[in-house]
Amino acid sequence: MSATKILGHFPDPRLAQGFVDYLATRGVKARLAVAGSDVAVEVALPAPEWLDEAWQHFLTQPHDPRYSSASWQSGGDRPSPLRYNSQLQLRFVAGPLTLGFLVVCVLVYLPWMLGYAGLYQALSFPASLDAVTLANAYRLVTPILLHFSLLHIGFNLLWWWQLGGIVEKQEGSLHLALITLVTGFAGNLAQFLAAGPAFGGLSGVVYGLFGYFWVSGLLYPRRGIMLPNSLVLFMLAWLVLGFVGIGLPIANQAHLWGLIAGCALAALPFKGSKAQ
């Protein structure tokens, strides 16, 4: 392209590529360029009058089927300066808190897997709320570190790595820490009140992150934190199946109240948000 202008920036290169492909179907030449932690959408001049309106529509509805359809039509084998390999993307978005927390979960799990339950007992939820003191109040949250099978820890840490990493990249380690503590506490307390202290796992926080992504995508799409509708429906269906009963020990209240807490946190406009 000769004369060009930057139409705007977007944090997710996959979604931005769909917009570029959509512009191509309408005869507008555009490309992506790396711009810090975002990508810039660069278009050829002269630009049509409707282009700014189309960009605003993309910012508010980046998952509109018109963009994915345009990508399918374009083929998907075009050269690009951006690497979309999923494993590379995971490494890129996983910040120090995301990786550090993942390592801690694994280190906590290994002794239990080898038959040593002392650490689990020290980190489990108190048997009674009357037993909570300033010295052991950490146990209201630390059950999120406890897992009981390879499938359990693998599933939870995969989603933590992906979703937590994106939040940490976009909004910082402190914001991810806040979401983790709030959703972890809410889910743990709800599960204790419903079924007692025999539970553990990061899934309440994972559902909290899902809730955060879900509501952020609806209310503040420019944060660049959103989920495809298909994934939202899958997670909600899995939540319902847990309450119906599928023969597995599932901390349903932790899932539900972690989700609710994550949704509530996402609804709060905060300084520095890309939604503003």
C-alpha atoms as a PDB file:
ATOM      1  CA  MET A   1       0.000   0.000   0.000  1.00  0.00           C
ATOM      2  CA  SER A   2       1.175   3.532  -0.718  1.00  0.00           C
ATOM      3  CA  ALA A   3      -0.550   6.264   1.314  1.00  0.00           C
ATOM      4  CA  THR A   4      -2.114   4.804   4.444  1.00  0.00           C
ATOM      5  CA  LYS A   5      -3.580   5.756   7.808  1.00  0.00           C
ATOM      6  CA  ILE A   6      -3.970   3.934  11.111  1.00  0.00           C
ATOM      7  CA  LEU A   7      -7.664   3.341  11.645  1.00  0.00           C
ATOM      8  CA  GLY A   8      -7.230   2.230  15.251  1.00  0.00           C
ATOM      9  CA  HIS A   9      -5.762  -0.332  17.627  1.00  0.00           C
ATOM     10  CA  PHE A  10      -7.172  -3.589  18.994  1.00  0.00           C
ATOM     11  CA  PRO A  11      -5.715  -6.067  21.524  1.00  0.00           C
ATOM     12  CA  ASP A  12      -6.703  -9.335  19.812  1.00  0.00           C
ATOM     13  CA  PRO A  13      -4.944  -9.965  16.462  1.00  0.00           C
ATOM     14  CA  ARG A  14      -7.221 -12.869  15.525  1.00  0.00           C
ATOM     15  CA  LEU A  15     -10.349 -10.746  15.768  1.00  0.00           C
ATOM     16  CA  ALA A  16      -8.651  -7.794  14.098  1.00  0.00           C
ATOM     17  CA  GLN A  17      -7.678 -10.011  11.158  1.00  0.00           C
ATOM     18  CA  GLY A  18     -11.364 -10.832  10.699  1.00  0.00           C
ATOM     19  CA  PHE A  19     -12.079  -7.111  10.356  1.00  0.00           C
ATOM     20  CA  VAL A  20      -9.256  -6.736   7.806  1.00  0.00           C
ATOM     21  CA  ASP A  21     -10.685  -9.650   5.830  1.00  0.00           C
ATOM     22  CA  TYR A  22     -14.140  -8.059   5.973  1.00  0.00           C
ATOM     23  CA  LEU A  23     -12.735  -4.804   4.566  1.00  0.00           C
ATOM     24  CA  ALA A  24     -11.158  -6.787   1.732  1.00  0.00           C
ATOM     25  CA  THR A  25     -14.580  -8.151   0.749  1.00  0.00           C
ATOM     26  CA  ARG A  26     -15.723  -4.535   0.407  1.00  0.00           C
ATOM     27  CA  GLY A  27     -12.771  -3.482  -1.706  1.00  0.00           C
ATOM     28  CA  VAL A  28     -10.726  -1.745   0.996  1.00  0.00           C
ATOM     29  CA  LYS A  29      -7.055  -2.673   1.333  1.00  0.00           C
ATOM     30  CA  ALA A  30      -5.951  -3.048   4.944  1.00  0.00           C
ATOM     31  CA  ARG A  31      -3.323  -4.844   6.986  1.00  0.00           C
ATOM     32  CA  LEU A  32      -2.275  -5.398  10.582  1.00  0.00           C
ATOM     33  CA  ALA A  33       0.886  -4.077  12.188  1.00  0.00           C
ATOM     34  CA  VAL A  34       2.300  -4.787  15.633  1.00  0.00           C
ATOM     35  CA  ALA A  35       1.775  -1.803  17.956  1.00  0.00           C
ATOM     36  CA  GLY A  36       3.116  -2.632  21.401  1.00  0.00           C
ATOM     37  CA  SER A  37       0.796  -5.111  23.060  1.00  0.00           C
ATOM     38  CA  ASP A  38      -1.941  -4.365  20.492  1.00  0.00           C
ATOM     39  CA  VAL A  39      -2.240  -4.530  16.715  1.00  0.00           C
ATOM     40  CA  ALA A  40      -2.885  -1.510  14.531  1.00  0.00           C
ATOM     41  CA  VAL A  41      -5.311  -1.663  11.619  1.00  0.00           C
ATOM     42  CA  GLU A  42      -3.725   0.221   8.730  1.00  0.00           C
ATOM     43  CA  VAL A  43      -5.870   1.097   5.691  1.00  0.00           C
ATOM     44  CA  ALA A  44      -5.028   2.454   2.266  1.00  0.00           C
ATOM     45  CA  LEU A  45      -6.006   5.981   1.281  1.00  0.00           C
ATOM     46  CA  PRO A  46      -8.326   7.314   0.082  1.00  0.00           C
ATOM     47  CA  ALA A  47     -10.635   5.676   2.614  1.00  0.00           C
ATOM     48  CA  PRO A  48     -14.398   5.392   2.004  1.00  0.00           C
ATOM     49  CA  GLU A  49     -16.778   7.486   4.117  1.00  0.00           C
ATOM     50  CA  TRP A  50     -18.338   4.458   5.788  1.00  0.00           C
ATOM     51  CA  LEU A  51     -15.020   3.188   7.143  1.00  0.00           C
ATOM     52  CA  ASP A  52     -15.121   4.956  10.521  1.00  0.00           C
ATOM     53  CA  GLU A  53     -18.646   3.682  11.148  1.00  0.00           C
ATOM     54  CA  ALA A  54     -17.541   0.146  10.232  1.00  0.00           C
ATOM     55  CA  TRP A  55     -14.631   0.410  12.691  1.00  0.00           C
ATOM     56  CA  GLN A  56     -16.913   1.509  15.519  1.00  0.00           C
ATOM     57  CA  HIS A  57     -19.216  -1.425  14.772  1.00  0.00           C
ATOM     58  CA  PHE A  58     -16.240  -3.788  14.980  1.00  0.00           C
ATOM     59  CA  LEU A  59     -15.170  -2.322  18.336  1.00  0.00           C
ATOM     60  CA  THR A  60     -18.620  -2.916  19.817  1.00  0.00           C
ATOM     61  CA  GLN A  61     -19.291  -6.281  18.135  1.00  0.00           C
ATOM     62  CA  PRO A  62     -15.949  -7.923  17.276  1.00  0.00           C
ATOM     63  CA  HIS A  63     -17.552 -11.368  17.254  1.00  0.00           C
ATOM     64  CA  ASP A  64     -20.084 -10.410  14.574  1.00  0.00           C
ATOM     65  CA  PRO A  65     -20.326 -13.400  12.154  1.00  0.00           C
ATOM     66  CA  ARG A  66     -19.577 -11.123   9.196  1.00  0.00           C
ATOM     67  CA  TYR A  67     -15.902 -11.026  10.240  1.00  0.00           C
ATOM     68  CA  SER A  68     -15.386 -14.758  10.715  1.00  0.00           C
ATOM     69  CA  SER A  69     -17.267 -15.372   7.467  1.00  0.00           C
ATOM     70  CA  ALA A  70     -14.945 -12.988   5.650  1.00  0.00           C
ATOM     71  CA  SER A  71     -11.917 -14.830   7.047  1.00  0.00           C
ATOM     72  CA  TRP A  72     -13.274 -18.131   5.785  1.00  0.00           C
ATOM     73  CA  GLN A  73     -13.837 -16.607   2.344  1.00  0.00           C
ATOM     74  CA  SER A  74     -10.279 -15.239   2.223  1.00  0.00           C
ATOM     75  CA  GLY A  75      -8.773 -18.676   2.830  1.00  0.00           C
ATOM     76  CA  GLY A  76      -6.594 -18.235   5.913  1.00  0.00           C
ATOM     77  CA  ASP A  77      -3.293 -19.114   4.237  1.00  0.00           C
ATOM     78  CA  ARG A  78      -2.194 -15.551   3.462  1.00  0.00           C
ATOM     79  CA  PRO A  79       1.202 -14.342   4.704  1.00  0.00           C
ATOM     80  CA  SER A  80       1.107 -12.235   7.863  1.00  0.00           C
ATOM     81  CA  PRO A  81       3.714 -10.422   9.971  1.00  0.00           C
ATOM     82  CA  LEU A  82       1.939 -11.703  13.058  1.00  0.00           C
ATOM     83  CA  ARG A  83       2.378 -15.167  14.582  1.00  0.00           C
ATOM     84  CA  TYR A  84      -0.893 -16.691  15.744  1.00  0.00           C
ATOM     85  CA  ASN A  85       0.421 -20.028  16.999  1.00  0.00           C
ATOM     86  CA  SER A  86      -1.650 -20.789  20.097  1.00  0.00           C
ATOM     87  CA  GLN A  87       1.269 -22.044  22.188  1.00  0.00           C
ATOM     88  CA  LEU A  88       3.314 -18.946  21.430  1.00  0.00           C
ATOM     89  CA  GLN A  89       0.332 -16.799  22.281  1.00  0.00           C
ATOM     90  CA  LEU A  90      -0.064 -18.560  25.634  1.00  0.00           C
ATOM     91  CA  ARG A  91       3.562 -17.939  26.521  1.00  0.00           C
ATOM     92  CA  PHE A  92       3.239 -14.314  25.480  1.00  0.00           C
ATOM     93  CA  VAL A  93       0.177 -13.516  27.542  1.00  0.00           C
ATOM     94  CA  ALA A  94       1.220 -15.437  30.654  1.00  0.00           C
ATOM     95  CA  GLY A  95       2.676 -12.831  33.024  1.00  0.00           C
ATOM     96  CA  PRO A  96       4.527 -13.368  36.310  1.00  0.00           C
ATOM     97  CA  LEU A  97       1.424 -13.788  38.464  1.00  0.00           C
ATOM     98  CA  THR A  98      -0.171 -16.207  36.004  1.00  0.00           C
ATOM     99  CA  LEU A  99       2.955 -18.353  35.801  1.00  0.00           C
ATOM    100  CA  GLY A 100       3.831 -18.054  39.486  1.00  0.00           C
ATOM    101  CA  PHE A 101       0.369 -19.108  40.626  1.00  0.00           C
ATOM    102  CA  LEU A 102       0.432 -22.036  38.210  1.00  0.00           C
ATOM    103  CA  VAL A 103       3.739 -23.222  39.667  1.00  0.00           C
ATOM    104  CA  VAL A 104       2.413 -22.916  43.225  1.00  0.00           C
ATOM    105  CA  CYS A 105      -0.632 -25.051  42.371  1.00  0.00           C
ATOM    106  CA  VAL A 106       1.616 -27.748  40.924  1.00  0.00           C
ATOM    107  CA  LEU A 107       3.969 -27.654  43.933  1.00  0.00           C
ATOM    108  CA  VAL A 108       1.015 -27.974  46.300  1.00  0.00           C
ATOM    109  CA  TYR A 109      -0.422 -30.879  44.305  1.00  0.00           C
ATOM    110  CA  LEU A 110       2.744 -32.982  44.068  1.00  0.00           C
ATOM    111  CA  PRO A 111       3.062 -33.914  47.800  1.00  0.00           C
ATOM    112  CA  TRP A 112      -0.616 -34.842  47.936  1.00  0.00           C
ATOM    113  CA  MET A 113      -0.229 -37.015  44.836  1.00  0.00           C
ATOM    114  CA  LEU A 114       2.664 -38.786  46.624  1.00  0.00           C
ATOM    115  CA  GLY A 115       0.536 -39.427  49.705  1.00  0.00           C
ATOM    116  CA  TYR A 116       1.425 -36.514  51.991  1.00  0.00           C
ATOM    117  CA  ALA A 117      -1.761 -34.737  53.078  1.00  0.00           C
ATOM    118  CA  GLY A 118      -0.322 -32.330  55.653  1.00  0.00           C
ATOM    119  CA  LEU A 119      -0.099 -29.347  53.315  1.00  0.00           C
ATOM    120  CA  TYR A 120      -3.658 -29.905  52.099  1.00  0.00           C
ATOM    121  CA  GLN A 121      -4.894 -29.912  55.670  1.00  0.00           C
ATOM    122  CA  ALA A 122      -3.075 -26.645  56.365  1.00  0.00           C
ATOM    123  CA  LEU A 123      -4.585 -24.950  53.286  1.00  0.00           C
ATOM    124  CA  SER A 124      -8.128 -26.356  53.448  1.00  0.00           C
ATOM    125  CA  PHE A 125     -11.166 -24.333  54.446  1.00  0.00           C
ATOM    126  CA  PRO A 126     -11.683 -24.109  58.243  1.00  0.00           C
ATOM    127  CA  ALA A 127     -14.103 -26.623  59.741  1.00  0.00           C
ATOM    128  CA  SER A 128     -16.080 -23.744  61.253  1.00  0.00           C
ATOM    129  CA  LEU A 129     -16.251 -20.022  60.620  1.00  0.00           C
ATOM    130  CA  ASP A 130     -15.966 -19.552  64.389  1.00  0.00           C
ATOM    131  CA  ALA A 131     -12.442 -20.965  64.107  1.00  0.00           C
ATOM    132  CA  VAL A 132     -11.289 -18.229  61.719  1.00  0.00           C
ATOM    133  CA  THR A 133      -8.686 -15.844  63.169  1.00  0.00           C
ATOM    134  CA  LEU A 134      -6.343 -13.290  61.691  1.00  0.00           C
ATOM    135  CA  ALA A 135      -3.632 -15.944  61.772  1.00  0.00           C
ATOM    136  CA  ASN A 136      -5.550 -18.476  59.659  1.00  0.00           C
ATOM    137  CA  ALA A 137      -7.824 -16.222  57.593  1.00  0.00           C
ATOM    138  CA  TYR A 138      -5.777 -17.178  54.512  1.00  0.00           C
ATOM    139  CA  ARG A 139      -7.609 -20.526  54.596  1.00  0.00           C
ATOM    140  CA  LEU A 140     -10.755 -18.772  53.382  1.00  0.00           C
ATOM    141  CA  VAL A 141      -9.016 -18.477  49.993  1.00  0.00           C
ATOM    142  CA  THR A 142      -6.283 -21.147  49.840  1.00  0.00           C
ATOM    143  CA  PRO A 143      -8.611 -24.061  48.941  1.00  0.00           C
ATOM    144  CA  ILE A 144      -8.271 -22.728  45.371  1.00  0.00           C
ATOM    145  CA  LEU A 145      -4.754 -24.256  45.442  1.00  0.00           C
ATOM    146  CA  LEU A 146      -6.006 -27.789  46.169  1.00  0.00           C
ATOM    147  CA  HIS A 147      -6.662 -30.303  43.390  1.00  0.00           C
ATOM    148  CA  PHE A 148      -7.485 -33.992  43.563  1.00  0.00           C
ATOM    149  CA  SER A 149      -6.547 -35.503  40.195  1.00  0.00           C
ATOM    150  CA  LEU A 150      -4.430 -34.805  37.150  1.00  0.00           C
ATOM    151  CA  LEU A 151      -7.565 -34.082  35.121  1.00  0.00           C
ATOM    152  CA  HIS A 152      -8.792 -31.681  37.795  1.00  0.00           C
ATOM    153  CA  ILE A 153      -5.585 -29.653  37.992  1.00  0.00           C
ATOM    154  CA  GLY A 154      -4.868 -29.863  34.268  1.00  0.00           C
ATOM    155  CA  PHE A 155      -8.281 -28.523  33.248  1.00  0.00           C
ATOM    156  CA  ASN A 156      -8.208 -25.689  35.765  1.00  0.00           C
ATOM    157  CA  LEU A 157      -4.636 -24.589  35.078  1.00  0.00           C
ATOM    158  CA  LEU A 158      -5.164 -24.608  31.325  1.00  0.00           C
ATOM    159  CA  TRP A 159      -7.997 -22.106  31.649  1.00  0.00           C
ATOM    160  CA  TRP A 160      -6.122 -20.132  34.312  1.00  0.00           C
ATOM    161  CA  TRP A 161      -3.099 -19.852  32.012  1.00  0.00           C
ATOM    162  CA  GLN A 162      -5.174 -18.625  29.103  1.00  0.00           C
ATOM    163  CA  LEU A 163      -7.765 -16.364  30.778  1.00  0.00           C
ATOM    164  CA  GLY A 164      -5.648 -15.196  33.683  1.00  0.00           C
ATOM    165  CA  GLY A 165      -2.776 -14.461  31.328  1.00  0.00           C
ATOM    166  CA  ILE A 166      -4.933 -12.251  29.134  1.00  0.00           C
ATOM    167  CA  VAL A 167      -6.261 -10.288  32.125  1.00  0.00           C
ATOM    168  CA  GLU A 168      -2.744  -9.822  33.487  1.00  0.00           C
ATOM    169  CA  LYS A 169      -1.464  -8.633  30.105  1.00  0.00           C
ATOM    170  CA  GLN A 170      -4.346  -6.249  29.499  1.00  0.00           C
ATOM    171  CA  GLU A 171      -4.992  -4.916  33.000  1.00  0.00           C
ATOM    172  CA  GLY A 172      -2.013  -5.806  35.168  1.00  0.00           C
ATOM    173  CA  SER A 173      -1.024  -8.253  37.877  1.00  0.00           C
ATOM    174  CA  LEU A 174      -2.824  -6.381  40.660  1.00  0.00           C
ATOM    175  CA  HIS A 175      -6.115  -6.556  38.799  1.00  0.00           C
ATOM    176  CA  LEU A 176      -5.741 -10.286  38.211  1.00  0.00           C
ATOM    177  CA  ALA A 177      -4.863 -10.728  41.901  1.00  0.00           C
ATOM    178  CA  LEU A 178      -8.039  -8.841  42.893  1.00  0.00           C
ATOM    179  CA  ILE A 179     -10.224 -10.997  40.644  1.00  0.00           C
ATOM    180  CA  THR A 180      -8.577 -14.159  41.970  1.00  0.00           C
ATOM    181  CA  LEU A 181      -9.020 -13.232  45.635  1.00  0.00           C
ATOM    182  CA  VAL A 182     -12.609 -12.000  45.290  1.00  0.00           C
ATOM    183  CA  THR A 183     -13.896 -14.852  43.146  1.00  0.00           C
ATOM    184  CA  GLY A 184     -11.932 -17.426  45.146  1.00  0.00           C
ATOM    185  CA  PHE A 185     -13.319 -16.194  48.451  1.00  0.00           C
ATOM    186  CA  ALA A 186     -16.883 -15.904  47.139  1.00  0.00           C
ATOM    187  CA  GLY A 187     -16.840 -19.400  45.659  1.00  0.00           C
ATOM    188  CA  ASN A 188     -15.186 -20.981  48.706  1.00  0.00           C
ATOM    189  CA  LEU A 189     -17.570 -19.410  51.190  1.00  0.00           C
ATOM    190  CA  ALA A 190     -20.634 -20.390  49.162  1.00  0.00           C
ATOM    191  CA  GLN A 191     -19.399 -23.966  48.800  1.00  0.00           C
ATOM    192  CA  PHE A 192     -18.648 -24.227  52.532  1.00  0.00           C
ATOM    193  CA  LEU A 193     -22.091 -22.940  53.495  1.00  0.00           C
ATOM    194  CA  ALA A 194     -23.730 -25.392  51.103  1.00  0.00           C
ATOM    195  CA  ALA A 195     -21.711 -28.570  51.712  1.00  0.00           C
ATOM    196  CA  GLY A 196     -19.049 -28.092  54.380  1.00  0.00           C
ATOM    197  CA  PRO A 197     -15.246 -27.761  54.163  1.00  0.00           C
ATOM    198  CA  ALA A 198     -14.409 -30.849  52.071  1.00  0.00           C
ATOM    199  CA  PHE A 199     -13.676 -29.181  48.722  1.00  0.00           C
ATOM    200  CA  GLY A 200     -10.897 -27.581  46.736  1.00  0.00           C
ATOM    201  CA  GLY A 201      -9.882 -26.446  43.297  1.00  0.00           C
ATOM    202  CA  LEU A 202      -9.406 -23.399  41.127  1.00  0.00           C
ATOM    203  CA  SER A 203     -12.626 -23.869  39.181  1.00  0.00           C
ATOM    204  CA  GLY A 204     -14.500 -21.179  41.132  1.00  0.00           C
ATOM    205  CA  VAL A 205     -11.839 -18.685  40.047  1.00  0.00           C
ATOM    206  CA  VAL A 206     -11.955 -20.053  36.500  1.00  0.00           C
ATOM    207  CA  TYR A 207     -15.705 -19.456  36.437  1.00  0.00           C
ATOM    208  CA  GLY A 208     -15.038 -16.026  37.915  1.00  0.00           C
ATOM    209  CA  LEU A 209     -12.703 -15.283  35.000  1.00  0.00           C
ATOM    210  CA  PHE A 210     -15.328 -16.555  32.562  1.00  0.00           C
ATOM    211  CA  GLY A 211     -17.838 -14.216  34.145  1.00  0.00           C
ATOM    212  CA  TYR A 212     -15.367 -11.355  33.963  1.00  0.00           C
ATOM    213  CA  PHE A 213     -14.710 -12.004  30.262  1.00  0.00           C
ATOM    214  CA  TRP A 214     -18.396 -12.475  29.504  1.00  0.00           C
ATOM    215  CA  VAL A 215     -19.627  -9.224  31.058  1.00  0.00           C
ATOM    216  CA  SER A 216     -16.567  -7.249  29.909  1.00  0.00           C
ATOM    217  CA  GLY A 217     -17.326  -8.272  26.328  1.00  0.00           C
ATOM    218  CA  LEU A 218     -20.926  -7.148  26.694  1.00  0.00           C
ATOM    219  CA  LEU A 219     -20.356  -3.842  28.506  1.00  0.00           C
ATOM    220  CA  TYR A 220     -16.798  -2.815  27.648  1.00  0.00           C
ATOM    221  CA  PRO A 221     -15.755  -4.445  24.354  1.00  0.00           C
ATOM    222  CA  ARG A 222     -12.793  -2.107  23.935  1.00  0.00           C
ATOM    223  CA  ARG A 223     -11.105  -3.802  26.863  1.00  0.00           C
ATOM    224  CA  GLY A 224     -10.386  -6.580  24.403  1.00  0.00           C
ATOM    225  CA  ILE A 225     -11.518  -9.100  27.020  1.00  0.00           C
ATOM    226  CA  MET A 226     -14.372 -11.169  25.662  1.00  0.00           C
ATOM    227  CA  LEU A 227     -15.481 -14.708  24.829  1.00  0.00           C
ATOM    228  CA  PRO A 228     -17.148 -16.279  21.794  1.00  0.00           C
ATOM    229  CA  ASN A 229     -20.834 -16.903  22.385  1.00  0.00           C
ATOM    230  CA  SER A 230     -20.317 -20.618  21.776  1.00  0.00           C
ATOM    231  CA  LEU A 231     -17.884 -20.845  24.681  1.00  0.00           C
ATOM    232  CA  VAL A 232     -20.193 -18.873  26.968  1.00  0.00           C
ATOM    233  CA  LEU A 233     -23.030 -21.287  26.173  1.00  0.00           C
ATOM    234  CA  PHE A 234     -20.764 -24.285  26.796  1.00  0.00           C
ATOM    235  CA  MET A 235     -19.661 -23.058  30.220  1.00  0.00           C
ATOM    236  CA  LEU A 236     -23.204 -22.166  31.261  1.00  0.00           C
ATOM    237  CA  ALA A 237     -24.401 -25.587  30.081  1.00  0.00           C
ATOM    238  CA  TRP A 238     -21.633 -27.277  32.102  1.00  0.00           C
ATOM    239  CA  LEU A 239     -22.671 -25.243  35.146  1.00  0.00           C
ATOM    240  CA  VAL A 240     -26.276 -26.394  34.769  1.00  0.00           C
ATOM    241  CA  LEU A 241     -25.197 -30.021  34.272  1.00  0.00           C
ATOM    242  CA  GLY A 242     -23.263 -29.835  37.514  1.00  0.00           C
ATOM    243  CA  PHE A 243     -26.397 -28.880  39.419  1.00  0.00           C
ATOM    244  CA  VAL A 244     -28.499 -31.507  37.627  1.00  0.00           C
ATOM    245  CA  GLY A 245     -25.965 -34.179  38.522  1.00  0.00           C
ATOM    246  CA  ILE A 246     -23.575 -36.047  36.216  1.00  0.00           C
ATOM    247  CA  GLY A 247     -22.027 -38.450  38.703  1.00  0.00           C
ATOM    248  CA  LEU A 248     -18.912 -36.386  39.423  1.00  0.00           C
ATOM    249  CA  PRO A 249     -17.963 -34.543  42.640  1.00  0.00           C
ATOM    250  CA  ILE A 250     -18.392 -30.932  41.496  1.00  0.00           C
ATOM    251  CA  ALA A 251     -18.254 -27.834  43.707  1.00  0.00           C
ATOM    252  CA  ASN A 252     -21.328 -26.315  42.114  1.00  0.00           C
ATOM    253  CA  GLN A 253     -21.751 -23.430  44.536  1.00  0.00           C
ATOM    254  CA  ALA A 254     -18.117 -22.438  44.068  1.00  0.00           C
ATOM    255  CA  HIS A 255     -18.696 -22.373  40.311  1.00  0.00           C
ATOM    256  CA  LEU A 256     -21.904 -20.368  40.579  1.00  0.00           C
ATOM    257  CA  TRP A 257     -20.724 -17.768  43.069  1.00  0.00           C
ATOM    258  CA  GLY A 258     -17.316 -17.455  41.467  1.00  0.00           C
ATOM    259  CA  LEU A 259     -19.146 -16.698  38.220  1.00  0.00           C
ATOM    260  CA  ILE A 260     -21.412 -14.148  39.915  1.00  0.00           C
ATOM    261  CA  ALA A 261     -18.459 -12.423  41.580  1.00  0.00           C
ATOM    262  CA  GLY A 262     -16.558 -12.278  38.280  1.00  0.00           C
ATOM    263  CA  CYS A 263     -19.564 -10.779  36.507  1.00  0.00           C
ATOM    264  CA  ALA A 264     -19.934  -8.157  39.250  1.00  0.00           C
ATOM    265  CA  LEU A 265     -16.274  -7.172  39.049  1.00  0.00           C
ATOM    266  CA  ALA A 266     -16.477  -6.845  35.264  1.00  0.00           C
ATOM    267  CA  ALA A 267     -19.407  -4.450  35.556  1.00  0.00           C
ATOM    268  CA  LEU A 268     -17.247  -1.957  37.471  1.00  0.00           C
ATOM    269  CA  PRO A 269     -15.589   0.689  35.258  1.00  0.00           C
ATOM    270  CA  PHE A 270     -12.018   1.127  36.436  1.00  0.00           C
ATOM    271  CA  LYS A 271      -9.293   3.619  35.577  1.00  0.00           C
ATOM    272  CA  GLY A 272      -7.034   2.535  32.785  1.00  0.00           C
ATOM    273  CA  SER A 273      -9.667   0.292  31.207  1.00  0.00           C
ATOM    274  CA  LYS A 274      -9.548   0.136  27.433  1.00  0.00           C
ATOM    275  CA  ALA A 275     -13.328   0.376  27.603  1.00  0.00           C
ATOM    276  CA  GLN A 276     -13.198   4.017  28.560  1.00  0.00           C
END
